Amino acid sequence: MKGQPSISSIYRMAPGTANDDALAEWGRIERLRREAWRKTGVVTIRIEELPESLQGPIQQWAEDQYGRR
């Protein structure tokens, strides 16, 4: 419209709707986890995947460092 500021085309680059395919989403997350390890040496793991003896101490450390979930 004349006299109105134009809307940036950046908004068209936004991701689409959420992925309803749970298996595809799991695969995407696993790919990102592997890529993080290979490129930067960062290991991502869910607390439930740890041995029970490590779950408590690591969860406490994470909460101290990053706050509660």
N, C-alpha and C. Protein backbone atom coordinates (compact mmCIF):
# COMPACT_ATOMS: atom_id res chain seq x y z
N MET A 1 0.82 -1.17 0.00
CA MET A 1 0.00 0.00 0.00
C MET A 1 0.87 1.25 0.00
N LYS A 2 0.44 2.23 -0.68
CA LYS A 2 1.23 3.46 -0.76
C LYS A 2 1.27 4.14 0.61
N GLY A 3 2.46 4.51 1.02
CA GLY A 3 2.62 5.17 2.30
C GLY A 3 2.81 4.22 3.47
N GLN A 4 2.64 2.94 3.23
CA GLN A 4 2.81 1.93 4.28
C GLN A 4 4.18 1.28 4.11
N PRO A 5 4.85 0.95 5.22
CA PRO A 5 6.13 0.26 5.08
C PRO A 5 5.92 -1.15 4.51
N SER A 6 6.87 -1.59 3.72
CA SER A 6 6.75 -2.94 3.15
C SER A 6 7.07 -3.98 4.21
N ILE A 7 6.48 -5.14 4.05
CA ILE A 7 6.72 -6.25 4.98
C ILE A 7 7.92 -7.04 4.46
N SER A 8 8.84 -7.30 5.34
CA SER A 8 10.06 -8.00 4.96
C SER A 8 9.75 -9.41 4.45
N SER A 9 10.50 -9.84 3.46
CA SER A 9 10.34 -11.19 2.92
C SER A 9 10.95 -12.24 3.85
N ILE A 10 11.61 -11.81 4.93
CA ILE A 10 12.21 -12.76 5.87
C ILE A 10 11.16 -13.67 6.49
N TYR A 11 9.95 -13.17 6.60
CA TYR A 11 8.89 -13.95 7.23
C TYR A 11 8.50 -15.16 6.39
N ARG A 12 8.76 -15.12 5.11
CA ARG A 12 8.47 -16.28 4.26
C ARG A 12 9.48 -17.40 4.44
N MET A 13 10.60 -17.11 5.12
CA MET A 13 11.65 -18.12 5.33
C MET A 13 11.42 -18.93 6.60
N ALA A 14 10.40 -18.59 7.35
CA ALA A 14 10.12 -19.30 8.61
C ALA A 14 9.80 -20.76 8.32
N PRO A 15 10.12 -21.64 9.28
CA PRO A 15 9.79 -23.05 9.08
C PRO A 15 8.29 -23.23 8.99
N GLY A 16 7.90 -24.26 8.30
CA GLY A 16 6.48 -24.57 8.15
C GLY A 16 5.88 -25.07 9.45
N THR A 17 4.78 -25.74 9.33
CA THR A 17 4.11 -26.26 10.51
C THR A 17 4.95 -27.35 11.15
N ALA A 18 4.64 -27.65 12.38
CA ALA A 18 5.39 -28.67 13.13
C ALA A 18 5.28 -30.02 12.43
N ASN A 19 6.33 -30.81 12.56
CA ASN A 19 6.36 -32.13 11.96
C ASN A 19 5.55 -33.09 12.81
N ASP A 20 4.51 -33.68 12.22
CA ASP A 20 3.65 -34.61 12.94
C ASP A 20 4.20 -36.04 12.92
N ASP A 21 5.22 -36.28 12.12
CA ASP A 21 5.80 -37.61 12.00
C ASP A 21 6.85 -37.80 13.08
N ALA A 22 6.51 -38.54 14.12
CA ALA A 22 7.41 -38.72 15.26
C ALA A 22 8.72 -39.39 14.85
N LEU A 23 8.66 -40.35 13.95
CA LEU A 23 9.88 -41.04 13.51
C LEU A 23 10.80 -40.09 12.75
N ALA A 24 10.23 -39.24 11.93
CA ALA A 24 11.05 -38.26 11.20
C ALA A 24 11.68 -37.28 12.18
N GLU A 25 10.94 -36.85 13.18
CA GLU A 25 11.47 -35.93 14.17
C GLU A 25 12.60 -36.58 14.97
N TRP A 26 12.42 -37.84 15.35
CA TRP A 26 13.46 -38.58 16.06
C TRP A 26 14.72 -38.67 15.19
N GLY A 27 14.55 -38.97 13.92
CA GLY A 27 15.68 -39.06 13.00
C GLY A 27 16.41 -37.74 12.87
N ARG A 28 15.67 -36.64 12.83
CA ARG A 28 16.28 -35.31 12.74
C ARG A 28 17.12 -35.02 13.98
N ILE A 29 16.58 -35.35 15.15
CA ILE A 29 17.31 -35.10 16.40
C ILE A 29 18.55 -35.98 16.48
N GLU A 30 18.43 -37.24 16.10
CA GLU A 30 19.59 -38.13 16.11
C GLU A 30 20.68 -37.63 15.16
N ARG A 31 20.28 -37.13 14.00
CA ARG A 31 21.25 -36.59 13.03
C ARG A 31 21.98 -35.39 13.64
N LEU A 32 21.24 -34.53 14.32
CA LEU A 32 21.86 -33.36 14.95
C LEU A 32 22.80 -33.77 16.07
N ARG A 33 22.42 -34.81 16.84
CA ARG A 33 23.28 -35.29 17.92
C ARG A 33 24.60 -35.80 17.37
N ARG A 34 24.53 -36.59 16.31
CA ARG A 34 25.74 -37.14 15.70
C ARG A 34 26.61 -36.03 15.11
N GLU A 35 25.96 -35.08 14.46
CA GLU A 35 26.70 -33.97 13.87
C GLU A 35 27.40 -33.14 14.95
N ALA A 36 26.74 -32.91 16.07
CA ALA A 36 27.35 -32.15 17.17
C ALA A 36 28.59 -32.88 17.69
N TRP A 37 28.50 -34.19 17.79
CA TRP A 37 29.64 -34.96 18.28
C TRP A 37 30.81 -34.88 17.30
N ARG A 38 30.53 -35.13 16.03
CA ARG A 38 31.59 -35.16 15.03
C ARG A 38 32.24 -33.79 14.82
N LYS A 39 31.44 -32.74 14.80
CA LYS A 39 31.98 -31.42 14.49
C LYS A 39 32.58 -30.71 15.69
N THR A 40 32.00 -30.90 16.88
CA THR A 40 32.43 -30.09 18.02
C THR A 40 32.83 -30.88 19.25
N GLY A 41 32.59 -32.19 19.23
CA GLY A 41 32.91 -32.99 20.40
C GLY A 41 31.88 -32.88 21.51
N VAL A 42 30.72 -32.34 21.19
CA VAL A 42 29.65 -32.20 22.18
C VAL A 42 28.77 -33.44 22.15
N VAL A 43 28.56 -34.04 23.31
CA VAL A 43 27.70 -35.21 23.43
C VAL A 43 26.37 -34.76 24.02
N THR A 44 25.29 -35.12 23.36
CA THR A 44 23.97 -34.83 23.91
C THR A 44 23.31 -36.15 24.26
N ILE A 45 22.75 -36.19 25.45
CA ILE A 45 22.13 -37.42 25.92
C ILE A 45 20.97 -37.04 26.83
N ARG A 46 19.90 -37.79 26.73
CA ARG A 46 18.77 -37.57 27.62
C ARG A 46 19.10 -38.20 28.96
N ILE A 47 18.63 -37.56 30.00
CA ILE A 47 18.93 -38.04 31.35
C ILE A 47 18.47 -39.49 31.53
N GLU A 48 17.39 -39.86 30.87
CA GLU A 48 16.86 -41.23 30.97
C GLU A 48 17.79 -42.26 30.33
N GLU A 49 18.67 -41.83 29.46
CA GLU A 49 19.58 -42.73 28.77
C GLU A 49 20.82 -43.04 29.60
N LEU A 50 21.04 -42.29 30.66
CA LEU A 50 22.21 -42.51 31.51
C LEU A 50 21.98 -43.66 32.48
N PRO A 51 23.05 -44.31 32.93
CA PRO A 51 22.91 -45.30 34.00
C PRO A 51 22.33 -44.62 35.24
N GLU A 52 21.56 -45.34 36.01
CA GLU A 52 20.91 -44.76 37.19
C GLU A 52 21.89 -44.07 38.13
N SER A 53 23.08 -44.63 38.26
CA SER A 53 24.06 -44.04 39.18
C SER A 53 24.53 -42.65 38.74
N LEU A 54 24.37 -42.31 37.45
CA LEU A 54 24.79 -41.01 36.94
C LEU A 54 23.63 -40.02 36.80
N GLN A 55 22.42 -40.52 36.74
CA GLN A 55 21.28 -39.65 36.49
C GLN A 55 21.16 -38.52 37.52
N GLY A 56 21.17 -38.88 38.80
CA GLY A 56 21.01 -37.88 39.85
C GLY A 56 22.08 -36.81 39.85
N PRO A 57 23.36 -37.21 39.91
CA PRO A 57 24.42 -36.19 39.94
C PRO A 57 24.46 -35.31 38.69
N ILE A 58 24.25 -35.87 37.53
CA ILE A 58 24.31 -35.07 36.32
C ILE A 58 23.09 -34.15 36.21
N GLN A 59 21.95 -34.64 36.63
CA GLN A 59 20.76 -33.79 36.61
C GLN A 59 20.95 -32.62 37.58
N GLN A 60 21.50 -32.89 38.75
CA GLN A 60 21.75 -31.82 39.71
C GLN A 60 22.74 -30.80 39.15
N TRP A 61 23.79 -31.28 38.53
CA TRP A 61 24.77 -30.38 37.92
C TRP A 61 24.12 -29.51 36.84
N ALA A 62 23.32 -30.15 35.98
CA ALA A 62 22.66 -29.41 34.89
C ALA A 62 21.71 -28.35 35.45
N GLU A 63 20.98 -28.69 36.49
CA GLU A 63 20.08 -27.71 37.10
C GLU A 63 20.84 -26.57 37.74
N ASP A 64 21.99 -26.87 38.35
CA ASP A 64 22.82 -25.82 38.93
C ASP A 64 23.37 -24.89 37.84
N GLN A 65 23.78 -25.47 36.71
CA GLN A 65 24.38 -24.70 35.64
C GLN A 65 23.36 -23.94 34.79
N TYR A 66 22.24 -24.61 34.47
CA TYR A 66 21.30 -24.08 33.47
C TYR A 66 19.90 -23.80 34.00
N GLY A 67 19.62 -24.19 35.23
CA GLY A 67 18.28 -23.99 35.77
C GLY A 67 17.42 -25.22 35.59
N ARG A 68 16.28 -25.21 36.26
CA ARG A 68 15.38 -26.36 36.19
C ARG A 68 14.72 -26.45 34.82
N ARG A 69 14.34 -27.64 34.43
CA ARG A 69 13.66 -27.86 33.16
C ARG A 69 12.27 -27.32 33.21
